[in-house]
N, C-alpha and C. Protein backbone atom coordinates (compact mmCIF):
# COMPACT_ATOMS: atom_id res chain seq x y z
N UNK A 1 8.33 -1.23 -6.55
CA UNK A 1 8.15 0.01 -6.33
C UNK A 1 7.92 0.29 -4.55
N UNK A 2 6.99 -0.84 -4.27
CA UNK A 2 6.71 -0.84 -2.81
C UNK A 2 7.97 -1.40 -2.11
N UNK A 3 8.56 -2.34 -2.55
CA UNK A 3 9.78 -3.08 -1.89
C UNK A 3 10.93 -2.06 -1.73
N UNK A 4 11.30 -1.27 -2.74
CA UNK A 4 12.13 -0.29 -2.83
C UNK A 4 11.84 0.86 -1.76
N UNK A 5 10.65 1.35 -1.70
CA UNK A 5 9.95 2.39 -0.68
C UNK A 5 10.30 2.02 0.69
N UNK A 6 9.68 0.73 0.97
CA UNK A 6 10.13 0.10 2.32
C UNK A 6 11.64 0.14 2.59
N UNK A 7 12.51 -0.29 1.78
CA UNK A 7 13.83 -0.31 1.77
C UNK A 7 14.47 1.18 2.29
N UNK A 8 14.18 1.85 1.55
CA UNK A 8 14.54 3.21 1.61
C UNK A 8 14.00 3.96 3.08
N UNK A 9 12.82 3.65 3.36
CA UNK A 9 12.19 4.15 4.93
C UNK A 9 13.11 3.47 5.92
N UNK A 10 13.34 2.05 5.79
CA UNK A 10 14.28 1.38 6.75
C UNK A 10 15.70 2.13 6.92
N UNK A 11 16.14 2.44 5.80
CA UNK A 11 17.58 3.10 5.61
C UNK A 11 17.68 4.34 6.37
N UNK A 12 16.52 5.05 6.10
CA UNK A 12 16.17 6.74 6.77
C UNK A 12 15.93 6.32 8.22
N UNK A 13 15.70 5.15 8.68
CA UNK A 13 15.04 5.02 9.89
C UNK A 13 13.77 6.05 10.20
N UNK A 14 13.11 5.67 9.27
CA UNK A 14 11.55 6.19 9.38
C UNK A 14 10.58 5.24 9.72
N UNK A 15 9.85 5.24 10.71
CA UNK A 15 9.11 4.15 11.40
C UNK A 15 7.62 4.53 10.93
N UNK A 16 7.13 5.51 10.06
CA UNK A 16 6.06 5.62 9.56
C UNK A 16 6.06 5.75 7.97
N UNK A 17 5.27 5.29 7.30
CA UNK A 17 5.63 5.38 5.82
C UNK A 17 4.05 5.54 5.12
N UNK A 18 3.83 6.26 4.21
CA UNK A 18 2.59 6.41 3.25
C UNK A 18 2.85 6.19 1.95
N UNK A 19 1.83 5.25 1.38
CA UNK A 19 2.18 4.88 0.13
C UNK A 19 1.04 5.09 -0.83
N UNK A 20 1.13 5.54 -1.90
CA UNK A 20 0.05 5.88 -2.92
C UNK A 20 -0.41 4.44 -3.59
N UNK A 21 -1.74 4.60 -4.44
CA UNK A 21 -1.90 3.49 -5.12
C UNK A 21 -1.20 3.82 -6.40
N UNK A 22 -0.33 3.17 -6.60
CA UNK A 22 0.58 3.20 -7.67
C UNK A 22 0.01 2.84 -9.10
N UNK A 23 -0.10 3.89 -10.12
CA UNK A 23 -0.45 3.78 -11.26
C UNK A 23 -1.69 3.42 -11.67
N UNK A 24 -2.52 3.50 -10.62
CA UNK A 24 -4.03 3.45 -10.75
C UNK A 24 -5.02 4.37 -11.29
N UNK A 25 -4.30 5.62 -11.45
CA UNK A 25 -5.11 6.83 -11.86
C UNK A 25 -5.03 6.87 -13.38
N UNK A 26 -4.28 7.83 -14.07
CA UNK A 26 -4.33 8.25 -15.33
C UNK A 26 -3.50 7.03 -15.97
N UNK A 27 -2.73 6.11 -15.10
CA UNK A 27 -1.89 5.13 -15.97
C UNK A 27 -2.79 3.94 -16.19
N UNK A 28 -3.88 3.89 -15.54
CA UNK A 28 -4.89 2.74 -15.64
C UNK A 28 -4.52 1.39 -15.25
N UNK A 29 -3.76 1.12 -14.36
CA UNK A 29 -3.42 -0.23 -14.09
C UNK A 29 -4.73 -0.46 -13.24
N UNK A 30 -5.00 -2.02 -13.38
CA UNK A 30 -6.49 -2.29 -12.72
C UNK A 30 -6.39 -2.10 -11.02
N UNK A 31 -7.38 -1.65 -10.57
CA UNK A 31 -7.43 -1.29 -9.24
C UNK A 31 -7.44 -2.69 -8.19
N UNK A 32 -7.90 -3.59 -8.60
CA UNK A 32 -7.97 -4.51 -7.78
C UNK A 32 -6.72 -5.44 -7.59
N UNK A 33 -6.04 -5.71 -8.69
CA UNK A 33 -4.80 -6.17 -8.63
C UNK A 33 -3.72 -5.19 -7.94
N UNK A 34 -3.94 -4.26 -8.08
CA UNK A 34 -2.84 -3.00 -7.57
C UNK A 34 -3.03 -2.97 -5.98
N UNK A 35 -4.20 -3.08 -5.85
CA UNK A 35 -4.66 -3.16 -4.17
C UNK A 35 -4.03 -4.65 -3.46
N UNK A 36 -4.25 -5.59 -4.49
CA UNK A 36 -3.59 -6.80 -3.81
C UNK A 36 -2.00 -6.69 -3.55
N UNK A 37 -1.39 -6.09 -4.42
CA UNK A 37 0.18 -5.88 -4.50
C UNK A 37 0.51 -5.02 -3.50
N UNK A 38 0.05 -3.67 -3.31
CA UNK A 38 0.13 -2.84 -2.20
C UNK A 38 0.07 -3.54 -0.97
N UNK A 39 -1.33 -3.95 -0.65
CA UNK A 39 -1.39 -4.57 0.53
C UNK A 39 -0.70 -5.65 0.93
N UNK A 40 -0.30 -6.49 0.12
CA UNK A 40 0.55 -7.73 0.00
C UNK A 40 1.98 -7.18 0.78
N UNK A 41 2.33 -6.08 0.12
CA UNK A 41 3.82 -5.50 0.64
C UNK A 41 3.53 -4.91 1.90
N UNK A 42 2.42 -4.05 2.09
CA UNK A 42 2.23 -3.69 3.41
C UNK A 42 2.24 -4.65 4.62
N UNK A 43 1.25 -5.71 4.25
CA UNK A 43 1.28 -6.81 5.41
C UNK A 43 2.78 -7.20 5.55
N UNK A 44 3.45 -7.56 4.46
CA UNK A 44 4.72 -8.12 4.51
C UNK A 44 5.85 -7.43 5.67
N UNK A 45 5.45 -6.02 5.53
CA UNK A 45 6.34 -4.87 6.34
C UNK A 45 5.73 -4.64 7.71
N UNK A 46 4.64 -4.82 7.93
CA UNK A 46 3.74 -4.20 8.91
C UNK A 46 4.49 -4.27 10.45
N UNK A 47 5.47 -5.36 10.42
CA UNK A 47 6.25 -5.59 11.80
C UNK A 47 7.29 -4.58 11.99
N UNK A 48 7.79 -3.99 10.68
CA UNK A 48 8.87 -3.10 10.75
C UNK A 48 8.57 -1.76 10.92
N UNK A 49 7.39 -1.37 11.17
CA UNK A 49 7.02 0.10 10.99
C UNK A 49 5.77 0.17 12.05
N UNK A 50 5.93 1.42 12.54
CA UNK A 50 4.92 1.82 13.67
C UNK A 50 3.32 2.15 12.96
N UNK A 51 3.54 2.64 11.59
CA UNK A 51 2.37 2.89 10.99
C UNK A 51 2.88 2.92 9.46
N UNK A 52 1.81 2.29 8.65
CA UNK A 52 1.82 2.59 7.20
C UNK A 52 0.36 2.68 6.82
N UNK A 53 0.61 3.72 6.08
CA UNK A 53 -0.83 4.52 5.65
C UNK A 53 -0.91 4.25 4.00
N UNK A 54 -2.06 3.87 3.80
CA UNK A 54 -2.24 3.72 2.15
C UNK A 54 -3.23 5.10 1.83
N UNK A 55 -2.47 5.90 0.98
CA UNK A 55 -3.18 7.11 0.42
C UNK A 55 -3.89 6.79 -0.63
N UNK A 56 -5.22 6.91 -0.43
CA UNK A 56 -6.32 6.64 -1.69
C UNK A 56 -6.97 7.83 -2.35
N UNK A 57 -7.52 7.69 -3.29
CA UNK A 57 -8.02 8.75 -4.07
C UNK A 57 -9.54 8.96 -3.29
N UNK A 58 -10.24 8.03 -3.02
CA UNK A 58 -11.58 8.34 -2.75
C UNK A 58 -12.24 7.23 -1.89
N UNK A 59 -13.73 7.32 -1.79
CA UNK A 59 -14.16 6.23 -0.66
C UNK A 59 -14.38 4.94 -1.66
N UNK A 60 -14.42 4.88 -2.85
CA UNK A 60 -14.59 3.65 -3.44
C UNK A 60 -13.17 2.93 -3.23
N UNK A 61 -11.96 3.60 -3.41
CA UNK A 61 -10.84 3.11 -3.25
C UNK A 61 -10.58 2.27 -1.96
N UNK A 62 -11.12 3.28 -0.92
CA UNK A 62 -11.09 2.81 0.40
C UNK A 62 -11.80 1.53 0.64
N UNK A 63 -12.92 1.21 0.14
CA UNK A 63 -13.64 0.13 0.31
C UNK A 63 -13.18 -0.87 -0.59
N UNK A 64 -12.71 -0.81 -1.87
CA UNK A 64 -11.81 -1.79 -2.41
C UNK A 64 -10.62 -2.44 -1.53
N UNK A 65 -9.96 -1.39 -0.92
CA UNK A 65 -8.73 -1.83 -0.18
C UNK A 65 -9.34 -2.71 1.16
N UNK A 66 -10.20 -2.08 1.75
CA UNK A 66 -10.74 -2.97 2.72
C UNK A 66 -11.39 -4.15 2.53
N UNK A 67 -11.99 -4.52 1.27
CA UNK A 67 -12.30 -5.74 0.79
C UNK A 67 -11.26 -6.68 0.54
N UNK A 68 -10.12 -5.98 -0.30
CA UNK A 68 -8.97 -6.83 -0.54
C UNK A 68 -8.25 -7.39 0.75
N UNK A 69 -8.11 -6.37 1.73
CA UNK A 69 -7.31 -6.51 2.72
C UNK A 69 -8.17 -7.92 3.83
N UNK A 70 -9.23 -8.03 3.84
CA UNK A 70 -10.13 -8.93 4.48
C UNK A 70 -9.76 -10.06 3.68
N UNK A 71 -9.60 -10.40 2.46
CA UNK A 71 -9.36 -11.43 1.80
C UNK A 71 -7.80 -11.92 2.05
N UNK A 72 -6.92 -10.98 2.31
CA UNK A 72 -5.60 -11.35 2.75
C UNK A 72 -5.40 -11.77 4.04
N UNK A 73 -5.93 -11.46 5.01
CA UNK A 73 -5.80 -11.67 6.27
C UNK A 73 -6.36 -13.19 6.72
């Protein structure tokens, strides 16, 4: 889903993209693996966009993303 979103954004010549934490709410996908997938995709495409925004639900999700991101860099 993330790769498709980035592809469509490039085709539309959008240089800013915002992405949700896919399936981590009611669908119950585990948040840590979801964060790793999302952030991995974001890092892989960061050179192609002026801004990539992770849309998160709360401060706990933000803290998790920050922790996972630190481990990916």
